[in-house]
């Protein structure tokens, strides 16, 4: 068989580094996976955690009289608060109750310079 395929004997020979030789490949692979995890952490996980904390701070800081926008786009003024719900006045004589998580953002009241 080696008469027709002389390179087969070389391909099947053990590596010069010793038996197996797989140990030298383990460390670079682990370093590569560690680097990929670090990149994934700093680009995906950490910003999401910061955004979640900022949203929780915003929801806990809402008080009566704040103008807010729900996640569905409805504007209203906070009239009542509980641990889980917020009541908004969206028009004269119209009050709607929402979960706290339905609040998208607090609207900043802008003061006109001309007034």
Protein backbone atom coordinates (compact mmCIF):
# COMPACT_ATOMS: atom_id res chain seq x y z
CA UNK A 1 0.00 0.00 0.00
CA UNK A 2 2.82 2.41 0.68
CA UNK A 3 3.96 1.76 -2.87
CA UNK A 4 1.03 3.74 -4.28
CA UNK A 5 0.56 6.20 -1.42
CA UNK A 6 3.98 7.08 0.04
CA UNK A 7 2.62 10.09 2.03
CA UNK A 8 0.14 8.00 4.01
CA UNK A 9 2.85 6.79 6.36
CA UNK A 10 3.76 10.39 7.21
CA UNK A 11 0.17 11.40 7.81
CA UNK A 12 -0.33 8.55 10.28
CA UNK A 13 2.93 9.08 12.17
CA UNK A 14 2.73 10.52 15.72
CA UNK A 15 3.49 14.20 16.16
CA UNK A 16 7.09 15.11 17.04
CA UNK A 17 5.93 16.85 20.25
CA UNK A 18 5.08 13.58 21.92
CA UNK A 19 2.09 11.31 22.23
CA UNK A 20 -1.23 12.98 21.40
CA UNK A 21 0.04 16.51 20.90
CA UNK A 22 -3.50 17.83 21.64
CA UNK A 23 -2.47 19.68 24.79
CA UNK A 24 -0.78 22.44 22.82
CA UNK A 25 -4.09 23.17 21.04
CA UNK A 26 -6.17 23.46 24.21
CA UNK A 27 -4.77 26.72 25.55
CA UNK A 28 -5.27 28.88 22.42
CA UNK A 29 -8.80 27.51 22.09
CA UNK A 30 -9.64 28.42 25.68
CA UNK A 31 -8.16 31.90 25.21
CA UNK A 32 -10.21 32.38 22.04
CA UNK A 33 -13.45 31.33 23.80
CA UNK A 34 -12.62 33.59 26.75
CA UNK A 35 -12.03 36.54 24.43
CA UNK A 36 -15.29 35.86 22.59
CA UNK A 37 -17.20 35.72 25.89
CA UNK A 38 -15.59 39.00 27.05
CA UNK A 39 -16.56 40.73 23.79
CA UNK A 40 -20.09 39.33 24.02
CA UNK A 41 -20.36 40.50 27.64
CA UNK A 42 -19.18 44.06 26.98
CA UNK A 43 -21.19 44.51 23.77
CA UNK A 44 -24.45 42.78 24.72
CA UNK A 45 -24.99 41.86 28.37
CA UNK A 46 -23.54 44.88 30.18
CA UNK A 47 -25.41 47.56 28.17
CA UNK A 48 -28.69 45.68 28.65
CA UNK A 49 -28.13 45.53 32.40
CA UNK A 50 -27.41 49.27 32.53
CA UNK A 51 -30.51 50.03 30.46
CA UNK A 52 -32.65 47.85 32.74
CA UNK A 53 -31.32 49.59 35.88
CA UNK A 54 -31.93 53.02 34.34
CA UNK A 55 -35.51 52.06 33.43
CA UNK A 56 -36.17 50.76 36.97
CA UNK A 57 -34.84 54.04 38.40
CA UNK A 58 -37.10 56.02 36.06
CA UNK A 59 -40.18 53.96 37.02
CA UNK A 60 -39.49 54.27 40.73
CA UNK A 61 -38.97 58.06 40.47
CA UNK A 62 -42.36 58.77 38.89
CA UNK A 63 -44.55 60.97 41.09
CA UNK A 64 -47.98 62.61 40.91
CA UNK A 65 -48.19 65.38 38.34
CA UNK A 66 -45.52 63.94 36.03
CA UNK A 67 -46.37 63.89 32.34
CA UNK A 68 -45.59 60.47 30.86
CA UNK A 69 -45.92 58.53 27.62
CA UNK A 70 -46.97 54.89 27.70
CA UNK A 71 -45.27 52.26 25.57
CA UNK A 72 -48.31 52.37 23.28
CA UNK A 73 -47.83 56.12 22.74
CA UNK A 74 -50.58 57.54 24.96
CA UNK A 75 -49.76 60.80 26.74
CA UNK A 76 -51.10 61.46 30.21
CA UNK A 77 -50.54 63.03 33.61
CA UNK A 78 -50.02 60.83 36.66
CA UNK A 79 -52.85 61.24 39.15
CA UNK A 80 -52.45 58.18 41.38
CA UNK A 81 -49.71 55.65 42.12
CA UNK A 82 -49.60 52.21 43.69
CA UNK A 83 -46.81 49.63 43.79
CA UNK A 84 -47.97 47.99 40.56
CA UNK A 85 -50.27 50.47 38.81
CA UNK A 86 -50.38 54.08 37.72
CA UNK A 87 -53.53 56.08 37.00
CA UNK A 88 -53.21 58.62 34.19
CA UNK A 89 -55.47 61.51 33.30
CA UNK A 90 -55.48 61.54 29.50
CA UNK A 91 -58.26 64.11 28.98
CA UNK A 92 -60.80 66.05 31.05
CA UNK A 93 -62.84 63.58 33.10
CA UNK A 94 -60.91 60.59 31.57
CA UNK A 95 -58.64 58.53 33.79
CA UNK A 96 -57.01 55.25 32.76
CA UNK A 97 -55.13 52.76 34.90
CA UNK A 98 -51.89 51.15 33.63
CA UNK A 99 -49.24 48.84 35.00
CA UNK A 100 -46.02 50.62 35.93
CA UNK A 101 -44.18 48.68 33.23
CA UNK A 102 -46.41 50.25 30.58
CA UNK A 103 -44.78 53.65 31.11
CA UNK A 104 -42.30 54.29 28.31
CA UNK A 105 -40.79 57.59 29.41
CA UNK A 106 -41.33 60.72 31.43
CA UNK A 107 -41.93 63.79 29.28
CA UNK A 108 -39.80 66.78 30.14
CA UNK A 109 -41.85 69.95 30.57
CA UNK A 110 -40.41 72.59 28.25
CA UNK A 111 -40.66 76.25 29.17
CA UNK A 112 -41.16 78.63 26.24
CA UNK A 113 -38.61 81.46 26.08
CA UNK A 114 -41.14 83.82 24.49
CA UNK A 115 -43.75 83.45 27.24
